[in-house]
């Protein structure tokens, strides 16, 4: 079965949400007093440029490393993952949690 064509509006919305997630992560990193290089080291990355890519909205934090990122930033892993879910997968977040605080943060 062929894949449906990408919806340009959906692609644009995804890009904006990724950028907002990156801004949120940058604020959390700065609040923790960490550089991109220090955060990368704490989460086991070889290169800090991945942190830069995530913060710019180009990349996203892989699910399997979200706990390490939360710990490095001094954040509750559950809230960290839920916040990222609201940015990365807003429809899944809505289905799981309704219009909770994480959904409202992602919408702003």
PDB file of N, CA and C in Angstrom:
ATOM      1  N   UNK A   1       0.844  -1.173   0.000  1.00  0.00           N
ATOM      2  CA  UNK A   1       0.000   0.000   0.000  1.00  0.00           C
ATOM      3  C   UNK A   1       0.899   1.249   0.000  1.00  0.00           C
ATOM      4  N   UNK A   2       0.681   2.146  -0.945  1.00  0.00           N
ATOM      5  CA  UNK A   2       1.541   3.341  -1.020  1.00  0.00           C
ATOM      6  C   UNK A   2       1.309   4.261   0.173  1.00  0.00           C
ATOM      7  N   UNK A   3       2.385   4.932   0.527  1.00  0.00           N
ATOM      8  CA  UNK A   3       2.311   5.914   1.614  1.00  0.00           C
ATOM      9  C   UNK A   3       1.607   7.156   1.124  1.00  0.00           C
ATOM     10  N   UNK A   4       0.733   7.733   1.960  1.00  0.00           N
ATOM     11  CA  UNK A   4       0.081   8.974   1.536  1.00  0.00           C
ATOM     12  C   UNK A   4       1.099  10.119   1.446  1.00  0.00           C
ATOM     13  N   UNK A   5       0.819  11.049   0.572  1.00  0.00           N
ATOM     14  CA  UNK A   5       1.701  12.212   0.403  1.00  0.00           C
ATOM     15  C   UNK A   5       1.731  13.023   1.691  1.00  0.00           C
ATOM     16  N   UNK A   6       2.877  13.598   1.968  1.00  0.00           N
ATOM     17  CA  UNK A   6       3.025  14.416   3.172  1.00  0.00           C
ATOM     18  C   UNK A   6       2.152  15.655   3.070  1.00  0.00           C
ATOM     19  N   UNK A   7       1.500  15.959   4.157  1.00  0.00           N
ATOM     20  CA  UNK A   7       0.655  17.144   4.247  1.00  0.00           C
ATOM     21  C   UNK A   7       1.547  18.333   4.613  1.00  0.00           C
ATOM     22  N   UNK A   8       1.666  19.336   3.734  1.00  0.00           N
ATOM     23  CA  UNK A   8       2.551  20.474   4.020  1.00  0.00           C
ATOM     24  C   UNK A   8       2.199  21.211   5.312  1.00  0.00           C
ATOM     25  N   UNK A   9       0.916  21.323   5.613  1.00  0.00           N
ATOM     26  CA  UNK A   9       0.508  22.005   6.843  1.00  0.00           C
ATOM     27  C   UNK A   9       0.949  21.213   8.066  1.00  0.00           C
ATOM     28  N   UNK A  10       0.809  19.909   7.999  1.00  0.00           N
ATOM     29  CA  UNK A  10       1.223  19.042   9.107  1.00  0.00           C
ATOM     30  C   UNK A  10       2.736  19.094   9.281  1.00  0.00           C
ATOM     31  N   UNK A  11       3.463  19.096   8.175  1.00  0.00           N
ATOM     32  CA  UNK A  11       4.926  19.180   8.234  1.00  0.00           C
ATOM     33  C   UNK A  11       5.366  20.498   8.868  1.00  0.00           C
ATOM     34  N   UNK A  12       4.688  21.575   8.531  1.00  0.00           N
ATOM     35  CA  UNK A  12       5.021  22.880   9.106  1.00  0.00           C
ATOM     36  C   UNK A  12       4.720  22.902  10.604  1.00  0.00           C
ATOM     37  N   UNK A  13       3.600  22.304  10.984  1.00  0.00           N
ATOM     38  CA  UNK A  13       3.232  22.247  12.416  1.00  0.00           C
ATOM     39  C   UNK A  13       4.260  21.422  13.197  1.00  0.00           C
ATOM     40  N   UNK A  14       4.682  20.305  12.613  1.00  0.00           N
ATOM     41  CA  UNK A  14       5.687  19.461  13.260  1.00  0.00           C
ATOM     42  C   UNK A  14       6.986  20.227  13.449  1.00  0.00           C
ATOM     43  N   UNK A  15       7.382  20.987  12.441  1.00  0.00           N
ATOM     44  CA  UNK A  15       8.617  21.777  12.522  1.00  0.00           C
ATOM     45  C   UNK A  15       8.528  22.809  13.649  1.00  0.00           C
ATOM     46  N   UNK A  16       7.397  23.490  13.735  1.00  0.00           N
ATOM     47  CA  UNK A  16       7.213  24.500  14.789  1.00  0.00           C
ATOM     48  C   UNK A  16       7.248  23.856  16.168  1.00  0.00           C
ATOM     49  N   UNK A  17       6.579  22.713  16.325  1.00  0.00           N
ATOM     50  CA  UNK A  17       6.569  22.029  17.621  1.00  0.00           C
ATOM     51  C   UNK A  17       7.963  21.545  18.004  1.00  0.00           C
ATOM     52  N   UNK A  18       8.733  21.062  17.040  1.00  0.00           N
ATOM     53  CA  UNK A  18      10.111  20.637  17.330  1.00  0.00           C
ATOM     54  C   UNK A  18      10.958  21.830  17.773  1.00  0.00           C
ATOM     55  N   UNK A  19      10.746  22.982  17.121  1.00  0.00           N
ATOM     56  CA  UNK A  19      11.484  24.185  17.516  1.00  0.00           C
ATOM     57  C   UNK A  19      11.100  24.620  18.929  1.00  0.00           C
ATOM     58  N   UNK A  20       9.809  24.522  19.256  1.00  0.00           N
ATOM     59  CA  UNK A  20       9.365  24.864  20.612  1.00  0.00           C
ATOM     60  C   UNK A  20       9.941  23.892  21.635  1.00  0.00           C
ATOM     61  N   UNK A  21       9.997  22.610  21.284  1.00  0.00           N
ATOM     62  CA  UNK A  21      10.607  21.625  22.177  1.00  0.00           C
ATOM     63  C   UNK A  21      12.074  21.978  22.402  1.00  0.00           C
ATOM     64  N   UNK A  22      12.756  22.352  21.340  1.00  0.00           N
ATOM     65  CA  UNK A  22      14.157  22.739  21.447  1.00  0.00           C
ATOM     66  C   UNK A  22      14.355  23.964  22.319  1.00  0.00           C
ATOM     67  N   UNK A  23      13.458  24.940  22.184  1.00  0.00           N
ATOM     68  CA  UNK A  23      13.537  26.136  23.025  1.00  0.00           C
ATOM     69  C   UNK A  23      13.330  25.764  24.489  1.00  0.00           C
ATOM     70  N   UNK A  24      12.355  24.897  24.746  1.00  0.00           N
ATOM     71  CA  UNK A  24      12.088  24.453  26.113  1.00  0.00           C
ATOM     72  C   UNK A  24      13.317  23.737  26.692  1.00  0.00           C
ATOM     73  N   UNK A  25      13.912  22.856  25.886  1.00  0.00           N
ATOM     74  CA  UNK A  25      15.102  22.136  26.349  1.00  0.00           C
ATOM     75  C   UNK A  25      16.266  23.088  26.624  1.00  0.00           C
ATOM     76  N   UNK A  26      16.453  24.065  25.742  1.00  0.00           N
ATOM     77  CA  UNK A  26      17.528  25.044  25.966  1.00  0.00           C
ATOM     78  C   UNK A  26      17.318  25.783  27.283  1.00  0.00           C
ATOM     79  N   UNK A  27      16.078  26.198  27.550  1.00  0.00           N
ATOM     80  CA  UNK A  27      15.778  26.886  28.806  1.00  0.00           C
ATOM     81  C   UNK A  27      16.065  25.996  30.007  1.00  0.00           C
ATOM     82  N   UNK A  28      15.728  24.711  29.901  1.00  0.00           N
ATOM     83  CA  UNK A  28      15.993  23.776  31.002  1.00  0.00           C
ATOM     84  C   UNK A  28      17.493  23.594  31.208  1.00  0.00           C
ATOM     85  N   UNK A  29      18.223  23.494  30.097  1.00  0.00           N
ATOM     86  CA  UNK A  29      19.682  23.346  30.188  1.00  0.00           C
ATOM     87  C   UNK A  29      20.320  24.569  30.825  1.00  0.00           C
ATOM     88  N   UNK A  30      19.890  25.738  30.373  1.00  0.00           N
ATOM     89  CA  UNK A  30      20.438  26.977  30.920  1.00  0.00           C
ATOM     90  C   UNK A  30      20.078  27.130  32.399  1.00  0.00           C
ATOM     91  N   UNK A  31      18.853  26.759  32.760  1.00  0.00           N
ATOM     92  CA  UNK A  31      18.434  26.834  34.165  1.00  0.00           C
ATOM     93  C   UNK A  31      19.264  25.894  35.042  1.00  0.00           C
ATOM     94  N   UNK A  32      19.709  24.784  34.457  1.00  0.00           N
ATOM     95  CA  UNK A  32      20.551  23.839  35.190  1.00  0.00           C
ATOM     96  C   UNK A  32      22.013  24.283  35.204  1.00  0.00           C
ATOM     97  N   UNK A  33      22.319  25.360  34.486  1.00  0.00           N
ATOM     98  CA  UNK A  33      23.679  25.880  34.456  1.00  0.00           C
ATOM     99  C   UNK A  33      24.639  25.026  33.644  1.00  0.00           C
ATOM    100  N   UNK A  34      24.121  24.350  32.627  1.00  0.00           N
ATOM    101  CA  UNK A  34      24.954  23.455  31.814  1.00  0.00           C
ATOM    102  C   UNK A  34      25.213  24.039  30.434  1.00  0.00           C
ATOM    103  N   UNK A  35      26.392  23.749  29.910  1.00  0.00           N
ATOM    104  CA  UNK A  35      26.673  24.047  28.512  1.00  0.00           C
ATOM    105  C   UNK A  35      26.170  22.875  27.680  1.00  0.00           C
ATOM    106  N   UNK A  36      26.099  23.073  26.373  1.00  0.00           N
ATOM    107  CA  UNK A  36      25.722  21.967  25.503  1.00  0.00           C
ATOM    108  C   UNK A  36      26.732  20.825  25.633  1.00  0.00           C
ATOM    109  N   UNK A  37      27.991  21.167  25.733  1.00  0.00           N
ATOM    110  CA  UNK A  37      29.036  20.139  25.847  1.00  0.00           C
ATOM    111  C   UNK A  37      28.896  19.343  27.146  1.00  0.00           C
ATOM    112  N   UNK A  38      28.612  20.026  28.236  1.00  0.00           N
ATOM    113  CA  UNK A  38      28.450  19.339  29.519  1.00  0.00           C
ATOM    114  C   UNK A  38      27.230  18.432  29.503  1.00  0.00           C
ATOM    115  N   UNK A  39      26.123  18.918  28.947  1.00  0.00           N
ATOM    116  CA  UNK A  39      24.922  18.086  28.852  1.00  0.00           C
ATOM    117  C   UNK A  39      25.208  16.860  27.990  1.00  0.00           C
ATOM    118  N   UNK A  40      25.861  17.060  26.869  1.00  0.00           N
ATOM    119  CA  UNK A  40      26.192  15.935  25.989  1.00  0.00           C
ATOM    120  C   UNK A  40      27.019  14.890  26.741  1.00  0.00           C
ATOM    121  N   UNK A  41      27.991  15.341  27.490  1.00  0.00           N
ATOM    122  CA  UNK A  41      28.832  14.423  28.262  1.00  0.00           C
ATOM    123  C   UNK A  41      28.001  13.660  29.291  1.00  0.00           C
ATOM    124  N   UNK A  42      27.103  14.356  29.967  1.00  0.00           N
ATOM    125  CA  UNK A  42      26.287  13.719  31.012  1.00  0.00           C
ATOM    126  C   UNK A  42      25.303  12.695  30.468  1.00  0.00           C
ATOM    127  N   UNK A  43      24.865  12.875  29.227  1.00  0.00           N
ATOM    128  CA  UNK A  43      23.912  11.908  28.658  1.00  0.00           C
ATOM    129  C   UNK A  43      24.612  10.872  27.778  1.00  0.00           C
ATOM    130  N   UNK A  44      25.949  10.927  27.741  1.00  0.00           N
ATOM    131  CA  UNK A  44      26.710   9.908  27.034  1.00  0.00           C
ATOM    132  C   UNK A  44      26.845  10.121  25.537  1.00  0.00           C
ATOM    133  N   UNK A  45      26.740  11.371  25.098  1.00  0.00           N
ATOM    134  CA  UNK A  45      26.912  11.666  23.676  1.00  0.00           C
ATOM    135  C   UNK A  45      28.379  11.951  23.389  1.00  0.00           C
ATOM    136  N   UNK A  46      28.825  11.565  22.227  1.00  0.00           N
ATOM    137  CA  UNK A  46      30.210  11.849  21.828  1.00  0.00           C
ATOM    138  C   UNK A  46      30.390  13.301  21.432  1.00  0.00           C
ATOM    139  N   UNK A  47      29.347  13.880  20.845  1.00  0.00           N
ATOM    140  CA  UNK A  47      29.465  15.230  20.304  1.00  0.00           C
ATOM    141  C   UNK A  47      28.340  16.115  20.841  1.00  0.00           C
ATOM    142  N   UNK A  48      28.693  17.325  21.229  1.00  0.00           N
ATOM    143  CA  UNK A  48      27.687  18.254  21.728  1.00  0.00           C
ATOM    144  C   UNK A  48      26.775  18.757  20.613  1.00  0.00           C
ATOM    145  N   UNK A  49      27.186  18.564  19.377  1.00  0.00           N
ATOM    146  CA  UNK A  49      26.386  19.080  18.264  1.00  0.00           C
ATOM    147  C   UNK A  49      24.996  18.442  18.208  1.00  0.00           C
ATOM    148  N   UNK A  50      24.843  17.234  18.764  1.00  0.00           N
ATOM    149  CA  UNK A  50      23.514  16.635  18.805  1.00  0.00           C
ATOM    150  C   UNK A  50      22.601  17.456  19.708  1.00  0.00           C
ATOM    151  N   UNK A  51      23.120  17.949  20.831  1.00  0.00           N
ATOM    152  CA  UNK A  51      22.332  18.812  21.717  1.00  0.00           C
ATOM    153  C   UNK A  51      21.924  20.064  20.953  1.00  0.00           C
ATOM    154  N   UNK A  52      22.841  20.621  20.194  1.00  0.00           N
ATOM    155  CA  UNK A  52      22.549  21.799  19.380  1.00  0.00           C
ATOM    156  C   UNK A  52      21.441  21.509  18.374  1.00  0.00           C
ATOM    157  N   UNK A  53      21.500  20.354  17.738  1.00  0.00           N
ATOM    158  CA  UNK A  53      20.474  19.983  16.764  1.00  0.00           C
ATOM    159  C   UNK A  53      19.107  19.841  17.426  1.00  0.00           C
ATOM    160  N   UNK A  54      19.077  19.241  18.601  1.00  0.00           N
ATOM    161  CA  UNK A  54      17.805  19.090  19.317  1.00  0.00           C
ATOM    162  C   UNK A  54      17.266  20.460  19.707  1.00  0.00           C
ATOM    163  N   UNK A  55      18.130  21.317  20.221  1.00  0.00           N
ATOM    164  CA  UNK A  55      17.695  22.647  20.657  1.00  0.00           C
ATOM    165  C   UNK A  55      17.235  23.510  19.486  1.00  0.00           C
ATOM    166  N   UNK A  56      17.749  23.266  18.307  1.00  0.00           N
ATOM    167  CA  UNK A  56      17.327  24.055  17.144  1.00  0.00           C
ATOM    168  C   UNK A  56      16.086  23.466  16.475  1.00  0.00           C
ATOM    169  N   UNK A  57      15.653  22.288  16.938  1.00  0.00           N
ATOM    170  CA  UNK A  57      14.452  21.674  16.372  1.00  0.00           C
ATOM    171  C   UNK A  57      14.725  20.747  15.209  1.00  0.00           C
ATOM    172  N   UNK A  58      15.991  20.524  14.884  1.00  0.00           N
ATOM    173  CA  UNK A  58      16.344  19.633  13.784  1.00  0.00           C
ATOM    174  C   UNK A  58      16.233  18.176  14.226  1.00  0.00           C
ATOM    175  N   UNK A  59      16.675  17.893  15.445  1.00  0.00           N
ATOM    176  CA  UNK A  59      16.615  16.544  15.982  1.00  0.00           C
ATOM    177  C   UNK A  59      15.638  16.470  17.136  1.00  0.00           C
ATOM    178  N   UNK A  60      15.501  15.276  17.677  1.00  0.00           N
ATOM    179  CA  UNK A  60      14.658  15.099  18.859  1.00  0.00           C
ATOM    180  C   UNK A  60      15.339  14.137  19.810  1.00  0.00           C
ATOM    181  N   UNK A  61      14.997  14.257  21.076  1.00  0.00           N
ATOM    182  CA  UNK A  61      15.592  13.390  22.092  1.00  0.00           C
ATOM    183  C   UNK A  61      15.021  11.985  21.907  1.00  0.00           C
ATOM    184  N   UNK A  62      15.873  10.989  21.666  1.00  0.00           N
ATOM    185  CA  UNK A  62      15.363   9.623  21.512  1.00  0.00           C
ATOM    186  C   UNK A  62      14.696   9.141  22.800  1.00  0.00           C
ATOM    187  N   UNK A  63      13.635   8.389  22.646  1.00  0.00           N
ATOM    188  CA  UNK A  63      12.877   7.891  23.799  1.00  0.00           C
ATOM    189  C   UNK A  63      13.780   7.152  24.774  1.00  0.00           C
ATOM    190  N   UNK A  64      14.680   6.329  24.248  1.00  0.00           N
ATOM    191  CA  UNK A  64      15.513   5.508  25.131  1.00  0.00           C
ATOM    192  C   UNK A  64      16.526   6.306  25.947  1.00  0.00           C
ATOM    193  N   UNK A  65      16.728   7.577  25.628  1.00  0.00           N
ATOM    194  CA  UNK A  65      17.667   8.396  26.401  1.00  0.00           C
ATOM    195  C   UNK A  65      16.978   9.509  27.182  1.00  0.00           C
ATOM    196  N   UNK A  66      15.658   9.584  27.137  1.00  0.00           N
ATOM    197  CA  UNK A  66      14.960  10.675  27.820  1.00  0.00           C
ATOM    198  C   UNK A  66      15.191  10.657  29.327  1.00  0.00           C
ATOM    199  N   UNK A  67      15.283   9.491  29.927  1.00  0.00           N
ATOM    200  CA  UNK A  67      15.561   9.411  31.363  1.00  0.00           C
ATOM    201  C   UNK A  67      16.914  10.015  31.712  1.00  0.00           C
ATOM    202  N   UNK A  68      17.917   9.733  30.893  1.00  0.00           N
ATOM    203  CA  UNK A  68      19.256  10.280  31.128  1.00  0.00           C
ATOM    204  C   UNK A  68      19.261  11.802  30.962  1.00  0.00           C
ATOM    205  N   UNK A  69      18.536  12.293  29.968  1.00  0.00           N
ATOM    206  CA  UNK A  69      18.447  13.744  29.767  1.00  0.00           C
ATOM    207  C   UNK A  69      17.764  14.388  30.974  1.00  0.00           C
ATOM    208  N   UNK A  70      16.671  13.812  31.417  1.00  0.00           N
ATOM    209  CA  UNK A  70      15.952  14.370  32.568  1.00  0.00           C
ATOM    210  C   UNK A  70      16.856  14.408  33.795  1.00  0.00           C
ATOM    211  N   UNK A  71      17.552  13.311  34.053  1.00  0.00           N
ATOM    212  CA  UNK A  71      18.453  13.253  35.202  1.00  0.00           C
ATOM    213  C   UNK A  71      19.557  14.309  35.092  1.00  0.00           C
ATOM    214  N   UNK A  72      20.149  14.436  33.915  1.00  0.00           N
ATOM    215  CA  UNK A  72      21.227  15.411  33.708  1.00  0.00           C
ATOM    216  C   UNK A  72      20.740  16.840  33.932  1.00  0.00           C
ATOM    217  N   UNK A  73      19.465  17.081  33.611  1.00  0.00           N
ATOM    218  CA  UNK A  73      18.903  18.424  33.768  1.00  0.00           C
ATOM    219  C   UNK A  73      18.273  18.641  35.137  1.00  0.00           C
ATOM    220  N   UNK A  74      18.244  17.594  35.965  1.00  0.00           N
ATOM    221  CA  UNK A  74      17.651  17.707  37.298  1.00  0.00           C
ATOM    222  C   UNK A  74      16.133  17.776  37.263  1.00  0.00           C
ATOM    223  N   UNK A  75      15.530  17.114  36.268  1.00  0.00           N
ATOM    224  CA  UNK A  75      14.078  17.150  36.104  1.00  0.00           C
ATOM    225  C   UNK A  75      13.470  15.785  36.380  1.00  0.00           C
ATOM    226  N   UNK A  76      12.200  15.779  36.742  1.00  0.00           N
ATOM    227  CA  UNK A  76      11.461  14.547  36.941  1.00  0.00           C
ATOM    228  C   UNK A  76      11.342  13.831  35.594  1.00  0.00           C
ATOM    229  N   UNK A  77      11.797  12.576  35.494  1.00  0.00           N
ATOM    230  CA  UNK A  77      11.760  11.870  34.207  1.00  0.00           C
ATOM    231  C   UNK A  77      10.355  11.748  33.619  1.00  0.00           C
ATOM    232  N   UNK A  78       9.360  11.532  34.461  1.00  0.00           N
ATOM    233  CA  UNK A  78       7.991  11.396  33.962  1.00  0.00           C
ATOM    234  C   UNK A  78       7.507  12.701  33.336  1.00  0.00           C
ATOM    235  N   UNK A  79       7.713  13.806  34.017  1.00  0.00           N
ATOM    236  CA  UNK A  79       7.287  15.106  33.478  1.00  0.00           C
ATOM    237  C   UNK A  79       8.103  15.486  32.252  1.00  0.00           C
ATOM    238  N   UNK A  80       9.387  15.150  32.267  1.00  0.00           N
ATOM    239  CA  UNK A  80      10.244  15.424  31.115  1.00  0.00           C
ATOM    240  C   UNK A  80       9.714  14.693  29.883  1.00  0.00           C
ATOM    241  N   UNK A  81       9.475  13.393  30.027  1.00  0.00           N
ATOM    242  CA  UNK A  81       8.980  12.589  28.905  1.00  0.00           C
ATOM    243  C   UNK A  81       7.601  13.061  28.461  1.00  0.00           C
ATOM    244  N   UNK A  82       6.755  13.403  29.408  1.00  0.00           N
ATOM    245  CA  UNK A  82       5.411  13.855  29.062  1.00  0.00           C
ATOM    246  C   UNK A  82       5.449  15.187  28.324  1.00  0.00           C
ATOM    247  N   UNK A  83       6.327  16.072  28.730  1.00  0.00           N
ATOM    248  CA  UNK A  83       6.459  17.355  28.047  1.00  0.00           C
ATOM    249  C   UNK A  83       6.954  17.148  26.617  1.00  0.00           C
ATOM    250  N   UNK A  84       7.974  16.298  26.458  1.00  0.00           N
ATOM    251  CA  UNK A  84       8.463  16.035  25.106  1.00  0.00           C
ATOM    252  C   UNK A  84       7.405  15.359  24.255  1.00  0.00           C
ATOM    253  N   UNK A  85       6.626  14.458  24.848  1.00  0.00           N
ATOM    254  CA  UNK A  85       5.547  13.809  24.109  1.00  0.00           C
ATOM    255  C   UNK A  85       4.554  14.845  23.587  1.00  0.00           C
ATOM    256  N   UNK A  86       4.261  15.849  24.395  1.00  0.00           N
ATOM    257  CA  UNK A  86       3.324  16.899  23.970  1.00  0.00           C
ATOM    258  C   UNK A  86       3.850  17.664  22.760  1.00  0.00           C
ATOM    259  N   UNK A  87       5.165  17.823  22.685  1.00  0.00           N
ATOM    260  CA  UNK A  87       5.761  18.504  21.536  1.00  0.00           C
ATOM    261  C   UNK A  87       5.926  17.574  20.342  1.00  0.00           C
ATOM    262  N   UNK A  88       6.467  16.381  20.587  1.00  0.00           N
ATOM    263  CA  UNK A  88       6.816  15.468  19.500  1.00  0.00           C
ATOM    264  C   UNK A  88       5.627  14.696  18.943  1.00  0.00           C
ATOM    265  N   UNK A  89       4.691  14.350  19.795  1.00  0.00           N
ATOM    266  CA  UNK A  89       3.520  13.546  19.388  1.00  0.00           C
ATOM    267  C   UNK A  89       2.258  14.121  20.036  1.00  0.00           C
ATOM    268  N   UNK A  90       1.834  15.314  19.620  1.00  0.00           N
ATOM    269  CA  UNK A  90       0.712  15.974  20.304  1.00  0.00           C
ATOM    270  C   UNK A  90      -0.587  15.174  20.273  1.00  0.00           C
ATOM    271  N   UNK A  91      -0.854  14.464  19.207  1.00  0.00           N
ATOM    272  CA  UNK A  91      -2.094  13.694  19.143  1.00  0.00           C
ATOM    273  C   UNK A  91      -2.063  12.521  20.118  1.00  0.00           C
ATOM    274  N   UNK A  92      -0.947  11.827  20.211  1.00  0.00           N
ATOM    275  CA  UNK A  92      -0.815  10.738  21.175  1.00  0.00           C
ATOM    276  C   UNK A  92      -0.920  11.284  22.595  1.00  0.00           C
ATOM    277  N   UNK A  93      -0.281  12.418  22.844  1.00  0.00           N
ATOM    278  CA  UNK A  93      -0.371  13.059  24.157  1.00  0.00           C
ATOM    279  C   UNK A  93      -1.828  13.370  24.501  1.00  0.00           C
ATOM    280  N   UNK A  94      -2.568  13.890  23.525  1.00  0.00           N
ATOM    281  CA  UNK A  94      -3.981  14.220  23.762  1.00  0.00           C
ATOM    282  C   UNK A  94      -4.780  12.964  24.072  1.00  0.00           C
ATOM    283  N   UNK A  95      -4.527  11.892  23.318  1.00  0.00           N
ATOM    284  CA  UNK A  95      -5.255  10.644  23.552  1.00  0.00           C
ATOM    285  C   UNK A  95      -4.952  10.052  24.929  1.00  0.00           C
ATOM    286  N   UNK A  96      -3.710  10.127  25.344  1.00  0.00           N
ATOM    287  CA  UNK A  96      -3.315   9.556  26.621  1.00  0.00           C
ATOM    288  C   UNK A  96      -3.701  10.416  27.812  1.00  0.00           C
ATOM    289  N   UNK A  97      -3.551  11.731  27.675  1.00  0.00           N
ATOM    290  CA  UNK A  97      -3.670  12.611  28.834  1.00  0.00           C
ATOM    291  C   UNK A  97      -4.732  13.691  28.722  1.00  0.00           C
ATOM    292  N   UNK A  98      -5.396  13.804  27.587  1.00  0.00           N
ATOM    293  CA  UNK A  98      -6.371  14.876  27.429  1.00  0.00           C
ATOM    294  C   UNK A  98      -5.666  16.208  27.331  1.00  0.00           C
ATOM    295  N   UNK A  99      -6.299  17.230  27.797  1.00  0.00           N
ATOM    296  CA  UNK A  99      -5.735  18.581  27.720  1.00  0.00           C
ATOM    297  C   UNK A  99      -5.051  18.932  29.032  1.00  0.00           C
ATOM    298  N   UNK A 100      -4.040  18.134  29.414  1.00  0.00           N
ATOM    299  CA  UNK A 100      -3.314  18.390  30.645  1.00  0.00           C
ATOM    300  C   UNK A 100      -2.275  19.467  30.492  1.00  0.00           C
ATOM    301  N   UNK A 101      -1.506  19.718  31.540  1.00  0.00           N
ATOM    302  CA  UNK A 101      -0.505  20.792  31.519  1.00  0.00           C
ATOM    303  C   UNK A 101       0.529  20.638  30.419  1.00  0.00           C
ATOM    304  N   UNK A 102       0.960  19.424  30.139  1.00  0.00           N
ATOM    305  CA  UNK A 102       1.964  19.246  29.082  1.00  0.00           C
ATOM    306  C   UNK A 102       1.392  19.636  27.724  1.00  0.00           C
ATOM    307  N   UNK A 103       0.135  19.310  27.484  1.00  0.00           N
ATOM    308  CA  UNK A 103      -0.498  19.674  26.213  1.00  0.00           C
ATOM    309  C   UNK A 103      -0.619  21.190  26.094  1.00  0.00           C
ATOM    310  N   UNK A 104      -0.955  21.848  27.181  1.00  0.00           N
ATOM    311  CA  UNK A 104      -1.089  23.311  27.137  1.00  0.00           C
ATOM    312  C   UNK A 104       0.277  23.972  26.919  1.00  0.00           C
ATOM    313  N   UNK A 105       1.349  23.414  27.536  1.00  0.00           N
ATOM    314  CA  UNK A 105       2.688  23.980  27.332  1.00  0.00           C
ATOM    315  C   UNK A 105       3.097  23.872  25.882  1.00  0.00           C
ATOM    316  N   UNK A 106       2.818  22.746  25.253  1.00  0.00           N
ATOM    317  CA  UNK A 106       3.214  22.542  23.858  1.00  0.00           C
ATOM    318  C   UNK A 106       2.442  23.456  22.930  1.00  0.00           C
ATOM    319  N   UNK A 107       1.206  23.767  23.278  1.00  0.00           N
ATOM    320  CA  UNK A 107       0.379  24.618  22.416  1.00  0.00           C
ATOM    321  C   UNK A 107       0.822  26.068  22.479  1.00  0.00           C
ATOM    322  N   UNK A 108       1.503  26.461  23.536  1.00  0.00           N
ATOM    323  CA  UNK A 108       1.888  27.879  23.667  1.00  0.00           C
ATOM    324  C   UNK A 108       3.177  28.193  22.965  1.00  0.00           C
TER     325      UNK A 108
END
